[in-house]
C-alpha cells in the first residue's frame, strides 16, 4: 500500500469543498482550494480533474463557478477518492510479477498471493467505512499524532507499537 500526495491532496481538496458547502457556499474555485491547501494551482486543477472524471465532484462554469460535490459528503467514501486520485489502494505485484508461482517450504507449497489479496480487501473495506463527511468534520475517531506528541515509550518500543497509538478513540 502506498498513498502518494495525489491521494492525500485528493482527500484534502474534496474535504475543503465539503466544508465550504457545509458553510453555505455553492461552489469553490480551484484557486481557493489551491490557496487553502498551499499547493500550486495547476496541481490542484489536476487533482480536481481526477475527482471530476470519477463523478465525485462537478464543475460549474461562469463568474460564480467552481466545484461542488456531486452527492452528499456522507455518501463519498475515502476509497472512492483514492481510486479516483491514485488508481488503486493496494497494488499486489505478486500477481503481475511474482517471485515464484509457488514456493516449496518443507512439505507445503507456499503461495502468498491469497494473503496479499485478503490484505487488500481489508484495506478497501476500511476505507469504504470512512466518508468525506468524517474527514471534513474531523469525526474519523482517530487522534491526530504529531511527531512531537508521540510518547517516548511508543518511539522506544519500535515501529509496531504505533498501532496502539493509532487505534480509533472510543
N, C-alpha and C. Protein backbone atom coordinates (compact mmCIF):
# COMPACT_ATOMS: atom_id res chain seq x y z
N UNK A 1 0.86 -1.17 0.00
CA UNK A 1 0.00 0.00 0.00
C UNK A 1 0.90 1.23 0.00
N UNK A 2 0.57 2.15 -0.85
CA UNK A 2 1.32 3.39 -0.93
C UNK A 2 0.34 4.51 -1.26
N UNK A 3 0.21 5.44 -0.33
CA UNK A 3 -0.64 6.60 -0.58
C UNK A 3 0.30 7.75 -0.91
N UNK A 4 0.17 8.31 -2.10
CA UNK A 4 1.03 9.40 -2.52
C UNK A 4 0.34 10.74 -2.23
N UNK A 5 1.00 11.82 -2.64
CA UNK A 5 0.40 13.13 -2.47
C UNK A 5 -0.88 13.27 -3.27
N UNK A 6 -0.97 12.54 -4.39
CA UNK A 6 -2.22 12.57 -5.18
C UNK A 6 -3.40 12.18 -4.30
N UNK A 7 -3.26 11.07 -3.59
CA UNK A 7 -4.35 10.58 -2.74
C UNK A 7 -4.62 11.48 -1.56
N UNK A 8 -3.55 11.90 -0.89
CA UNK A 8 -3.73 12.73 0.29
C UNK A 8 -4.33 14.10 -0.07
N UNK A 9 -3.81 14.72 -1.13
CA UNK A 9 -4.38 16.00 -1.55
C UNK A 9 -5.78 15.81 -2.14
N UNK A 10 -6.03 14.67 -2.75
CA UNK A 10 -7.38 14.40 -3.26
C UNK A 10 -8.40 14.42 -2.14
N UNK A 11 -8.06 13.77 -1.04
CA UNK A 11 -8.95 13.76 0.13
C UNK A 11 -9.05 15.17 0.70
N UNK A 12 -7.92 15.85 0.82
CA UNK A 12 -7.92 17.21 1.39
C UNK A 12 -8.72 18.19 0.54
N UNK A 13 -8.55 18.12 -0.77
CA UNK A 13 -9.29 19.04 -1.66
C UNK A 13 -10.78 18.77 -1.59
N UNK A 14 -11.16 17.49 -1.62
CA UNK A 14 -12.58 17.15 -1.52
C UNK A 14 -13.15 17.56 -0.17
N UNK A 15 -12.35 17.40 0.90
CA UNK A 15 -12.80 17.82 2.23
C UNK A 15 -12.98 19.33 2.29
N UNK A 16 -12.12 20.07 1.59
CA UNK A 16 -12.26 21.54 1.54
C UNK A 16 -13.59 21.92 0.89
N UNK A 17 -13.91 21.23 -0.20
CA UNK A 17 -15.19 21.50 -0.88
C UNK A 17 -16.35 21.17 0.05
N UNK A 18 -16.27 20.03 0.74
CA UNK A 18 -17.34 19.62 1.65
C UNK A 18 -17.52 20.63 2.78
N UNK A 19 -16.43 21.10 3.34
CA UNK A 19 -16.51 22.07 4.44
C UNK A 19 -17.10 23.39 3.95
N UNK A 20 -16.71 23.82 2.76
CA UNK A 20 -17.25 25.06 2.22
C UNK A 20 -18.74 24.93 1.90
N UNK A 21 -19.14 23.77 1.40
CA UNK A 21 -20.57 23.55 1.15
C UNK A 21 -21.36 23.59 2.45
N UNK A 22 -20.80 22.98 3.48
CA UNK A 22 -21.49 22.99 4.78
C UNK A 22 -21.63 24.42 5.30
N UNK A 23 -20.66 25.28 4.95
CA UNK A 23 -20.71 26.69 5.37
C UNK A 23 -21.64 27.51 4.48
N UNK A 24 -22.23 26.89 3.45
CA UNK A 24 -23.22 27.57 2.63
C UNK A 24 -22.74 28.05 1.26
N UNK A 25 -21.51 27.78 0.90
CA UNK A 25 -21.03 28.20 -0.42
C UNK A 25 -21.54 27.24 -1.48
N UNK A 26 -21.93 27.78 -2.61
CA UNK A 26 -22.45 26.96 -3.72
C UNK A 26 -21.34 26.25 -4.47
N UNK A 27 -20.21 26.93 -4.65
CA UNK A 27 -19.09 26.36 -5.40
C UNK A 27 -17.79 26.94 -4.86
N UNK A 28 -16.73 26.18 -4.99
CA UNK A 28 -15.41 26.58 -4.52
C UNK A 28 -14.48 26.58 -5.72
N UNK A 29 -13.74 27.65 -5.92
CA UNK A 29 -12.84 27.74 -7.07
C UNK A 29 -11.57 26.94 -6.83
N UNK A 30 -10.96 26.55 -7.93
CA UNK A 30 -9.69 25.82 -7.85
C UNK A 30 -8.63 26.67 -7.16
N UNK A 31 -8.63 27.97 -7.42
CA UNK A 31 -7.63 28.83 -6.78
C UNK A 31 -7.84 28.93 -5.27
N UNK A 32 -9.10 28.94 -4.83
CA UNK A 32 -9.38 28.93 -3.38
C UNK A 32 -8.86 27.64 -2.75
N UNK A 33 -9.10 26.53 -3.42
CA UNK A 33 -8.65 25.23 -2.91
C UNK A 33 -7.13 25.18 -2.89
N UNK A 34 -6.49 25.65 -3.96
CA UNK A 34 -5.02 25.65 -4.03
C UNK A 34 -4.44 26.51 -2.91
N UNK A 35 -5.02 27.68 -2.70
CA UNK A 35 -4.54 28.56 -1.63
C UNK A 35 -4.71 27.91 -0.27
N UNK A 36 -5.88 27.34 -0.03
CA UNK A 36 -6.17 26.71 1.26
C UNK A 36 -5.24 25.53 1.52
N UNK A 37 -4.93 24.76 0.47
CA UNK A 37 -4.08 23.58 0.61
C UNK A 37 -2.59 23.91 0.48
N UNK A 38 -2.29 25.16 0.12
CA UNK A 38 -0.90 25.60 -0.11
C UNK A 38 -0.21 24.76 -1.18
N UNK A 39 -0.93 24.55 -2.29
CA UNK A 39 -0.36 23.83 -3.42
C UNK A 39 -0.50 24.69 -4.67
N UNK A 40 0.26 24.33 -5.69
CA UNK A 40 0.20 25.08 -6.95
C UNK A 40 -1.18 24.92 -7.58
N UNK A 41 -1.64 25.97 -8.23
CA UNK A 41 -2.96 25.95 -8.87
C UNK A 41 -3.07 24.85 -9.90
N UNK A 42 -2.05 24.66 -10.74
CA UNK A 42 -2.15 23.62 -11.77
C UNK A 42 -2.21 22.22 -11.15
N UNK A 43 -1.56 22.01 -10.02
CA UNK A 43 -1.62 20.72 -9.33
C UNK A 43 -3.03 20.51 -8.77
N UNK A 44 -3.59 21.54 -8.16
CA UNK A 44 -4.96 21.46 -7.64
C UNK A 44 -5.93 21.15 -8.78
N UNK A 45 -5.74 21.79 -9.92
CA UNK A 45 -6.63 21.55 -11.06
C UNK A 45 -6.53 20.11 -11.55
N UNK A 46 -5.34 19.55 -11.54
CA UNK A 46 -5.17 18.15 -11.96
C UNK A 46 -5.89 17.21 -10.99
N UNK A 47 -5.76 17.49 -9.71
CA UNK A 47 -6.44 16.66 -8.70
C UNK A 47 -7.95 16.77 -8.87
N UNK A 48 -8.44 18.01 -9.03
CA UNK A 48 -9.88 18.23 -9.19
C UNK A 48 -10.39 17.56 -10.46
N UNK A 49 -9.58 17.55 -11.50
CA UNK A 49 -9.97 16.89 -12.75
C UNK A 49 -10.13 15.38 -12.53
N UNK A 50 -9.23 14.79 -11.77
CA UNK A 50 -9.35 13.35 -11.46
C UNK A 50 -10.62 13.07 -10.67
N UNK A 51 -10.93 13.93 -9.72
CA UNK A 51 -12.15 13.74 -8.93
C UNK A 51 -13.40 13.93 -9.79
N UNK A 52 -13.33 14.88 -10.70
CA UNK A 52 -14.47 15.15 -11.60
C UNK A 52 -14.70 13.99 -12.56
N UNK A 53 -13.61 13.42 -13.09
CA UNK A 53 -13.74 12.28 -14.02
C UNK A 53 -14.45 11.09 -13.39
N UNK A 54 -14.29 10.92 -12.09
CA UNK A 54 -14.95 9.81 -11.39
C UNK A 54 -16.28 10.24 -10.78
N UNK A 55 -16.75 11.42 -11.19
CA UNK A 55 -18.05 11.96 -10.79
C UNK A 55 -18.18 12.12 -9.26
N UNK A 56 -17.08 12.48 -8.60
CA UNK A 56 -17.14 12.77 -7.17
C UNK A 56 -17.42 14.24 -6.93
N UNK A 57 -17.00 15.07 -7.89
CA UNK A 57 -17.29 16.50 -7.84
C UNK A 57 -17.81 16.93 -9.22
N UNK A 58 -18.44 18.07 -9.25
CA UNK A 58 -18.92 18.65 -10.51
C UNK A 58 -18.39 20.07 -10.61
N UNK A 59 -18.25 20.52 -11.84
CA UNK A 59 -17.80 21.90 -12.03
C UNK A 59 -18.95 22.75 -12.52
N UNK A 60 -18.92 24.00 -12.11
CA UNK A 60 -19.90 25.00 -12.53
C UNK A 60 -19.13 26.09 -13.24
N UNK A 61 -19.54 26.40 -14.44
CA UNK A 61 -18.87 27.45 -15.22
C UNK A 61 -19.44 28.81 -14.89
N UNK A 62 -18.66 29.83 -15.22
CA UNK A 62 -19.15 31.20 -15.07
C UNK A 62 -18.50 31.93 -13.92
N UNK A 63 -18.88 33.20 -13.75
CA UNK A 63 -18.25 34.04 -12.74
C UNK A 63 -18.46 33.54 -11.31
N UNK A 64 -19.54 32.86 -11.06
CA UNK A 64 -19.79 32.30 -9.73
C UNK A 64 -19.47 30.80 -9.71
N UNK A 65 -18.69 30.37 -10.68
CA UNK A 65 -18.40 28.96 -10.84
C UNK A 65 -17.37 28.42 -9.88
N UNK A 66 -17.10 27.16 -10.06
CA UNK A 66 -16.15 26.45 -9.21
C UNK A 66 -16.53 24.99 -9.16
N UNK A 67 -16.27 24.37 -8.04
CA UNK A 67 -16.53 22.94 -7.87
C UNK A 67 -17.46 22.73 -6.68
N UNK A 68 -18.26 21.68 -6.79
CA UNK A 68 -19.10 21.25 -5.67
C UNK A 68 -19.18 19.74 -5.72
N UNK A 69 -19.54 19.14 -4.60
CA UNK A 69 -19.65 17.68 -4.52
C UNK A 69 -20.82 17.21 -5.39
N UNK A 70 -20.66 16.05 -6.01
CA UNK A 70 -21.72 15.52 -6.85
C UNK A 70 -22.81 14.83 -6.03
N UNK A 71 -22.52 14.52 -4.79
CA UNK A 71 -23.51 13.95 -3.86
C UNK A 71 -23.07 14.31 -2.44
N UNK A 72 -23.89 14.07 -1.45
CA UNK A 72 -23.53 14.46 -0.09
C UNK A 72 -22.20 13.84 0.37
N UNK A 73 -21.47 14.58 1.19
CA UNK A 73 -20.17 14.11 1.70
C UNK A 73 -20.31 12.78 2.44
N UNK A 74 -21.45 12.54 3.05
CA UNK A 74 -21.69 11.29 3.78
C UNK A 74 -21.81 10.09 2.85
N UNK A 75 -21.93 10.34 1.54
CA UNK A 75 -22.06 9.25 0.57
C UNK A 75 -20.82 9.07 -0.30
N UNK A 76 -19.74 9.78 0.01
CA UNK A 76 -18.49 9.66 -0.75
C UNK A 76 -17.44 9.05 0.18
N UNK A 77 -16.99 7.85 -0.13
CA UNK A 77 -16.03 7.17 0.73
C UNK A 77 -14.60 7.57 0.38
N UNK A 78 -13.72 7.40 1.36
CA UNK A 78 -12.30 7.66 1.12
C UNK A 78 -11.76 6.71 0.06
N UNK A 79 -12.33 5.51 0.02
CA UNK A 79 -11.95 4.54 -1.00
C UNK A 79 -12.18 5.11 -2.40
N UNK A 80 -13.34 5.71 -2.62
CA UNK A 80 -13.65 6.28 -3.93
C UNK A 80 -12.68 7.39 -4.31
N UNK A 81 -12.33 8.22 -3.34
CA UNK A 81 -11.40 9.32 -3.62
C UNK A 81 -10.02 8.77 -3.97
N UNK A 82 -9.57 7.77 -3.22
CA UNK A 82 -8.25 7.20 -3.52
C UNK A 82 -8.22 6.49 -4.86
N UNK A 83 -9.30 5.82 -5.22
CA UNK A 83 -9.38 5.19 -6.54
C UNK A 83 -9.31 6.26 -7.63
N UNK A 84 -9.99 7.37 -7.41
CA UNK A 84 -10.00 8.46 -8.40
C UNK A 84 -8.62 9.10 -8.55
N UNK A 85 -7.92 9.29 -7.44
CA UNK A 85 -6.65 10.02 -7.49
C UNK A 85 -5.44 9.12 -7.65
N UNK A 86 -5.47 7.95 -7.06
CA UNK A 86 -4.32 7.04 -7.09
C UNK A 86 -4.46 5.95 -8.15
N UNK A 87 -5.68 5.57 -8.46
CA UNK A 87 -5.90 4.46 -9.38
C UNK A 87 -6.19 3.16 -8.67
N UNK A 88 -5.67 2.98 -7.46
CA UNK A 88 -5.93 1.79 -6.65
C UNK A 88 -5.50 2.09 -5.23
N UNK A 89 -5.84 1.20 -4.31
CA UNK A 89 -5.47 1.40 -2.91
C UNK A 89 -4.29 0.52 -2.51
N UNK A 90 -4.09 -0.56 -3.21
CA UNK A 90 -3.07 -1.53 -2.83
C UNK A 90 -2.73 -2.30 -4.08
N UNK A 91 -1.50 -2.27 -4.47
CA UNK A 91 -1.09 -2.99 -5.68
C UNK A 91 -0.30 -4.22 -5.27
N UNK A 92 -0.81 -5.38 -5.59
CA UNK A 92 -0.14 -6.63 -5.28
C UNK A 92 0.67 -7.04 -6.51
N UNK A 93 1.96 -6.71 -6.51
CA UNK A 93 2.80 -7.03 -7.66
C UNK A 93 3.02 -8.53 -7.81
N UNK A 94 2.69 -9.27 -6.77
CA UNK A 94 2.88 -10.72 -6.86
C UNK A 94 1.98 -11.34 -7.92
N UNK A 95 0.90 -10.65 -8.31
CA UNK A 95 0.01 -11.18 -9.32
C UNK A 95 0.59 -10.96 -10.72
N UNK A 96 1.15 -9.78 -10.96
CA UNK A 96 1.67 -9.48 -12.29
C UNK A 96 3.13 -9.87 -12.46
N UNK A 97 3.89 -9.88 -11.36
CA UNK A 97 5.30 -10.22 -11.44
C UNK A 97 5.72 -11.00 -10.20
N UNK A 98 5.19 -12.23 -10.03
CA UNK A 98 5.51 -12.98 -8.82
C UNK A 98 6.97 -13.44 -8.80
N UNK A 99 7.51 -13.57 -7.60
CA UNK A 99 8.86 -14.11 -7.47
C UNK A 99 8.88 -15.55 -7.97
N UNK A 100 7.93 -16.31 -7.49
CA UNK A 100 7.74 -17.71 -7.91
C UNK A 100 6.24 -17.96 -7.84
N UNK A 101 5.74 -18.75 -8.74
CA UNK A 101 4.29 -19.05 -8.67
C UNK A 101 3.97 -19.71 -7.33
N UNK A 102 4.74 -20.69 -6.95
CA UNK A 102 4.58 -21.32 -5.64
C UNK A 102 5.97 -21.71 -5.14
N UNK A 103 6.21 -21.47 -3.87
CA UNK A 103 7.47 -21.84 -3.26
C UNK A 103 7.27 -23.11 -2.47
N UNK A 104 8.27 -23.96 -2.49
CA UNK A 104 8.22 -25.19 -1.71
C UNK A 104 8.85 -24.90 -0.36
N UNK A 105 8.08 -24.98 0.71
CA UNK A 105 8.60 -24.78 2.06
C UNK A 105 8.33 -26.06 2.82
N UNK A 106 9.37 -26.84 3.00
CA UNK A 106 9.19 -28.13 3.64
C UNK A 106 8.29 -28.99 2.75
N UNK A 107 7.21 -29.48 3.32
CA UNK A 107 6.28 -30.30 2.54
C UNK A 107 5.11 -29.49 2.02
N UNK A 108 5.08 -28.18 2.31
CA UNK A 108 3.96 -27.32 1.91
C UNK A 108 4.34 -26.45 0.72
N UNK A 109 3.37 -26.21 -0.13
CA UNK A 109 3.53 -25.20 -1.17
C UNK A 109 3.14 -23.87 -0.55
N UNK A 110 3.94 -22.85 -0.81
CA UNK A 110 3.68 -21.54 -0.26
C UNK A 110 3.30 -20.58 -1.37
N UNK A 111 2.08 -20.12 -1.35
CA UNK A 111 1.60 -19.13 -2.30
C UNK A 111 1.06 -17.97 -1.48
N UNK A 112 1.79 -16.85 -1.51
CA UNK A 112 1.43 -15.71 -0.68
C UNK A 112 0.35 -14.82 -1.28
N UNK A 113 0.02 -15.03 -2.55
CA UNK A 113 -0.96 -14.16 -3.20
C UNK A 113 -2.29 -14.07 -2.46
N UNK A 114 -2.86 -15.17 -1.98
CA UNK A 114 -4.13 -15.04 -1.25
C UNK A 114 -4.01 -14.14 -0.02
N UNK A 115 -2.87 -14.17 0.65
CA UNK A 115 -2.65 -13.32 1.81
C UNK A 115 -2.68 -11.85 1.41
N UNK A 116 -1.98 -11.49 0.33
CA UNK A 116 -1.94 -10.10 -0.13
C UNK A 116 -3.31 -9.63 -0.62
N UNK A 117 -4.04 -10.50 -1.28
CA UNK A 117 -5.37 -10.11 -1.75
C UNK A 117 -6.34 -9.93 -0.59
N UNK A 118 -6.19 -10.75 0.45
CA UNK A 118 -7.03 -10.59 1.65
C UNK A 118 -6.69 -9.26 2.34
N UNK A 119 -5.39 -8.92 2.39
CA UNK A 119 -4.98 -7.65 2.98
C UNK A 119 -5.55 -6.48 2.19
N UNK A 120 -5.51 -6.56 0.87
CA UNK A 120 -6.09 -5.51 0.02
C UNK A 120 -7.57 -5.35 0.32
N UNK A 121 -8.28 -6.46 0.47
CA UNK A 121 -9.71 -6.40 0.77
C UNK A 121 -9.97 -5.72 2.10
N UNK A 122 -9.14 -6.02 3.11
CA UNK A 122 -9.30 -5.37 4.42
C UNK A 122 -9.05 -3.86 4.32
N UNK A 123 -8.03 -3.47 3.58
CA UNK A 123 -7.74 -2.05 3.39
C UNK A 123 -8.91 -1.36 2.69
N UNK A 124 -9.39 -1.98 1.61
CA UNK A 124 -10.51 -1.41 0.87
C UNK A 124 -11.76 -1.29 1.75
N UNK A 125 -12.06 -2.33 2.51
CA UNK A 125 -13.22 -2.29 3.40
C UNK A 125 -13.09 -1.18 4.45
N UNK A 126 -11.89 -1.02 5.00
CA UNK A 126 -11.63 0.03 5.97
C UNK A 126 -11.89 1.40 5.36
N UNK A 127 -11.35 1.64 4.17
CA UNK A 127 -11.50 2.93 3.51
C UNK A 127 -12.94 3.20 3.08
N UNK A 128 -13.70 2.15 2.81
CA UNK A 128 -15.10 2.32 2.43
C UNK A 128 -15.96 2.71 3.63
N UNK A 129 -15.51 2.39 4.85
CA UNK A 129 -16.27 2.73 6.06
C UNK A 129 -16.19 4.21 6.40
N UNK A 130 -15.16 4.89 5.94
CA UNK A 130 -14.98 6.30 6.27
C UNK A 130 -15.34 7.16 5.07
N UNK A 131 -16.11 8.21 5.36
CA UNK A 131 -16.60 9.07 4.29
C UNK A 131 -15.91 10.43 4.33
N UNK A 132 -16.15 11.16 3.30
CA UNK A 132 -15.65 12.53 3.22
C UNK A 132 -16.21 13.37 4.37
N UNK A 133 -17.42 13.09 4.77
CA UNK A 133 -18.01 13.82 5.89
C UNK A 133 -17.20 13.59 7.17
N UNK A 134 -16.77 12.36 7.41
CA UNK A 134 -15.93 12.07 8.58
C UNK A 134 -14.68 12.94 8.57
N UNK A 135 -14.05 13.04 7.43
CA UNK A 135 -12.80 13.80 7.33
C UNK A 135 -13.07 15.30 7.43
N UNK A 136 -14.05 15.78 6.68
CA UNK A 136 -14.35 17.22 6.65
C UNK A 136 -14.79 17.73 8.02
N UNK A 137 -15.46 16.90 8.78
CA UNK A 137 -15.94 17.33 10.09
C UNK A 137 -15.05 16.80 11.21
N UNK A 138 -13.93 16.18 10.83
CA UNK A 138 -12.94 15.65 11.78
C UNK A 138 -13.56 14.69 12.78
N UNK A 139 -14.36 13.74 12.26
CA UNK A 139 -15.00 12.75 13.13
C UNK A 139 -14.61 11.33 12.75
N UNK A 140 -13.35 11.13 12.35
CA UNK A 140 -12.90 9.79 11.97
C UNK A 140 -12.77 8.88 13.18
N UNK A 141 -12.61 9.48 14.36
CA UNK A 141 -12.39 8.66 15.55
C UNK A 141 -10.91 8.41 15.79
N UNK A 142 -10.06 8.95 14.95
CA UNK A 142 -8.62 8.80 15.13
C UNK A 142 -8.05 10.10 15.65
N UNK A 143 -7.11 9.97 16.57
CA UNK A 143 -6.46 11.18 17.07
C UNK A 143 -5.41 11.63 16.07
N UNK A 144 -5.09 12.91 16.12
CA UNK A 144 -4.03 13.44 15.27
C UNK A 144 -2.73 13.25 16.03
N UNK A 145 -1.76 12.64 15.38
CA UNK A 145 -0.49 12.39 16.04
C UNK A 145 0.58 13.19 15.35
N UNK A 146 1.05 14.22 16.03
CA UNK A 146 2.18 14.99 15.55
C UNK A 146 3.44 14.31 16.10
N UNK A 147 4.54 14.30 15.34
CA UNK A 147 5.75 13.62 15.81
C UNK A 147 6.14 13.99 17.24
N UNK A 148 6.01 15.26 17.61
CA UNK A 148 6.41 15.66 18.96
C UNK A 148 5.43 15.20 20.03
N UNK A 149 4.22 14.76 19.62
CA UNK A 149 3.24 14.34 20.61
C UNK A 149 3.23 12.82 20.83
N UNK A 150 4.04 12.09 20.07
CA UNK A 150 4.11 10.64 20.26
C UNK A 150 4.90 10.39 21.54
N UNK A 151 4.33 9.65 22.50
CA UNK A 151 5.04 9.39 23.75
C UNK A 151 6.37 8.68 23.50
N UNK A 152 7.41 9.04 24.28
CA UNK A 152 8.72 8.39 24.10
C UNK A 152 8.65 6.87 24.21
N UNK A 153 7.75 6.35 25.06
CA UNK A 153 7.65 4.90 25.22
C UNK A 153 7.23 4.23 23.92
N UNK A 154 6.40 4.89 23.11
CA UNK A 154 5.98 4.34 21.83
C UNK A 154 7.15 4.35 20.86
N UNK A 155 7.88 5.45 20.83
CA UNK A 155 9.03 5.56 19.93
C UNK A 155 10.09 4.54 20.29
N UNK A 156 10.38 4.38 21.59
CA UNK A 156 11.41 3.45 22.05
C UNK A 156 11.01 2.01 21.80
N UNK A 157 9.71 1.70 21.87
CA UNK A 157 9.25 0.32 21.72
C UNK A 157 9.38 -0.18 20.30
N UNK A 158 9.48 0.71 19.32
CA UNK A 158 9.68 0.26 17.94
C UNK A 158 8.48 0.50 17.07
N UNK A 159 8.63 0.19 15.76
CA UNK A 159 7.62 0.55 14.78
C UNK A 159 6.26 -0.10 14.98
N UNK A 160 6.19 -1.32 15.46
CA UNK A 160 4.91 -1.99 15.58
C UNK A 160 4.02 -1.39 16.64
N UNK A 161 4.60 -0.70 17.62
CA UNK A 161 3.81 -0.18 18.72
C UNK A 161 3.00 1.05 18.37
N UNK A 162 3.27 1.69 17.25
CA UNK A 162 2.48 2.86 16.84
C UNK A 162 1.02 2.45 16.58
N UNK A 163 0.81 1.14 16.29
CA UNK A 163 -0.55 0.65 16.05
C UNK A 163 -1.44 0.94 17.23
N UNK A 164 -0.92 0.82 18.47
CA UNK A 164 -1.71 1.11 19.65
C UNK A 164 -2.13 2.57 19.69
N UNK A 165 -1.20 3.44 19.29
CA UNK A 165 -1.50 4.87 19.31
C UNK A 165 -2.50 5.26 18.24
N UNK A 166 -2.60 4.49 17.17
CA UNK A 166 -3.47 4.82 16.05
C UNK A 166 -4.85 4.17 16.14
N UNK A 167 -5.13 3.42 17.19
CA UNK A 167 -6.45 2.81 17.33
C UNK A 167 -7.50 3.91 17.45
N UNK A 168 -8.70 3.67 16.87
CA UNK A 168 -9.75 4.68 16.98
C UNK A 168 -10.08 4.98 18.43
N UNK A 169 -10.35 6.23 18.72
CA UNK A 169 -10.78 6.61 20.06
C UNK A 169 -12.23 6.20 20.24
N UNK A 170 -12.55 5.69 21.38
CA UNK A 170 -13.91 5.26 21.63
C UNK A 170 -14.57 6.16 22.64
